[in-house]
Amino acid sequence: MASRKTTKPTTTPCLPCKGTGEVSRPVRVGRQRRTVGQQTGMCLNCFGVGEIPADDSPPEGR
């Protein structure tokens, strides 16, 4: 019988949220779409985890 793997899969920090799992978006109101503040939300790149698997990371130079 083969032994089980004990290594965790390698992960890298998410670039858009810098590993926090949250990103800020500007809030715009009115007819002229003035920016009045920031609203935080879940990062859609890593789904709020803050890490992405190393094999899913974008290639360099992109």
C-alpha atoms as a PDB file:
ATOM      1  CA  MET A   1       0.000   0.000   0.000  1.00  0.00           C
ATOM      2  CA  ALA A   2       1.310   3.448  -0.906  1.00  0.00           C
ATOM      3  CA  SER A   3       1.666   6.095   1.753  1.00  0.00           C
ATOM      4  CA  ARG A   4      -0.542   9.170   1.648  1.00  0.00           C
ATOM      5  CA  LYS A   5       0.686  12.542   0.536  1.00  0.00           C
ATOM      6  CA  THR A   6       1.191  14.963   3.406  1.00  0.00           C
ATOM      7  CA  THR A   7       2.023  18.110   1.428  1.00  0.00           C
ATOM      8  CA  LYS A   8      -0.600  20.813   1.037  1.00  0.00           C
ATOM      9  CA  PRO A   9      -1.237  22.185  -2.431  1.00  0.00           C
ATOM     10  CA  THR A  10       0.707  25.377  -3.025  1.00  0.00           C
ATOM     11  CA  THR A  11      -1.279  28.608  -3.040  1.00  0.00           C
ATOM     12  CA  THR A  12      -0.451  32.188  -3.912  1.00  0.00           C
ATOM     13  CA  PRO A  13      -2.021  35.390  -2.543  1.00  0.00           C
ATOM     14  CA  CYS A  14      -4.779  36.814  -4.686  1.00  0.00           C
ATOM     15  CA  LEU A  15      -3.570  39.863  -6.636  1.00  0.00           C
ATOM     16  CA  PRO A  16      -6.762  41.986  -6.831  1.00  0.00           C
ATOM     17  CA  CYS A  17      -7.494  41.796  -3.078  1.00  0.00           C
ATOM     18  CA  LYS A  18      -3.869  41.347  -1.909  1.00  0.00           C
ATOM     19  CA  GLY A  19      -4.852  38.341   0.207  1.00  0.00           C
ATOM     20  CA  THR A  20      -7.607  40.020   2.242  1.00  0.00           C
ATOM     21  CA  GLY A  21     -10.601  38.550   0.409  1.00  0.00           C
ATOM     22  CA  GLU A  22     -12.268  41.959   0.052  1.00  0.00           C
ATOM     23  CA  VAL A  23     -12.094  44.613  -2.648  1.00  0.00           C
ATOM     24  CA  SER A  24     -13.297  48.235  -2.602  1.00  0.00           C
ATOM     25  CA  ARG A  25     -15.516  49.648  -5.311  1.00  0.00           C
ATOM     26  CA  PRO A  26     -16.547  53.287  -5.775  1.00  0.00           C
ATOM     27  CA  VAL A  27     -20.184  54.170  -5.064  1.00  0.00           C
ATOM     28  CA  ARG A  28     -21.686  56.508  -7.644  1.00  0.00           C
ATOM     29  CA  VAL A  29     -24.931  58.428  -7.227  1.00  0.00           C
ATOM     30  CA  GLY A  30     -26.983  60.939  -9.143  1.00  0.00           C
ATOM     31  CA  ARG A  31     -27.492  61.723 -12.737  1.00  0.00           C
ATOM     32  CA  GLN A  32     -23.907  62.758 -13.330  1.00  0.00           C
ATOM     33  CA  ARG A  33     -22.649  59.627 -11.526  1.00  0.00           C
ATOM     34  CA  ARG A  34     -20.629  61.434  -8.860  1.00  0.00           C
ATOM     35  CA  THR A  35     -18.392  59.253  -6.693  1.00  0.00           C
ATOM     36  CA  VAL A  36     -19.424  59.618  -3.040  1.00  0.00           C
ATOM     37  CA  GLY A  37     -17.525  56.854  -1.277  1.00  0.00           C
ATOM     38  CA  GLN A  38     -16.239  53.300  -1.245  1.00  0.00           C
ATOM     39  CA  GLN A  39     -18.050  50.033  -0.654  1.00  0.00           C
ATOM     40  CA  THR A  40     -16.254  46.796   0.203  1.00  0.00           C
ATOM     41  CA  GLY A  41     -17.317  43.457  -1.165  1.00  0.00           C
ATOM     42  CA  MET A  42     -16.149  39.911  -1.648  1.00  0.00           C
ATOM     43  CA  CYS A  43     -13.337  39.380  -4.145  1.00  0.00           C
ATOM     44  CA  LEU A  44     -14.691  37.505  -7.150  1.00  0.00           C
ATOM     45  CA  ASN A  45     -11.250  36.266  -8.185  1.00  0.00           C
ATOM     46  CA  CYS A  46     -10.677  34.159  -5.048  1.00  0.00           C
ATOM     47  CA  PHE A  47     -14.291  34.143  -3.700  1.00  0.00           C
ATOM     48  CA  GLY A  48     -13.238  35.776  -0.420  1.00  0.00           C
ATOM     49  CA  VAL A  49     -10.545  33.259   0.545  1.00  0.00           C
ATOM     50  CA  GLY A  50      -7.553  35.482  -0.206  1.00  0.00           C
ATOM     51  CA  GLU A  51      -5.575  32.704  -1.884  1.00  0.00           C
ATOM     52  CA  ILE A  52      -5.704  31.070  -5.267  1.00  0.00           C
ATOM     53  CA  PRO A  53      -4.185  27.705  -6.208  1.00  0.00           C
ATOM     54  CA  ALA A  54      -0.763  28.055  -7.798  1.00  0.00           C
ATOM     55  CA  ASP A  55      -1.860  26.262 -10.955  1.00  0.00           C
ATOM     56  CA  ASP A  56      -4.704  28.812 -11.468  1.00  0.00           C
ATOM     57  CA  SER A  57      -2.507  31.884 -11.148  1.00  0.00           C
ATOM     58  CA  PRO A  58      -2.210  34.048 -14.280  1.00  0.00           C
ATOM     59  CA  PRO A  59       1.036  33.800 -16.237  1.00  0.00           C
ATOM     60  CA  GLU A  60       3.633  36.541 -15.738  1.00  0.00           C
ATOM     61  CA  GLY A  61       3.644  39.477 -18.142  1.00  0.00           C
ATOM     62  CA  ARG A  62      -0.102  39.751 -18.346  1.00  0.00           C
END
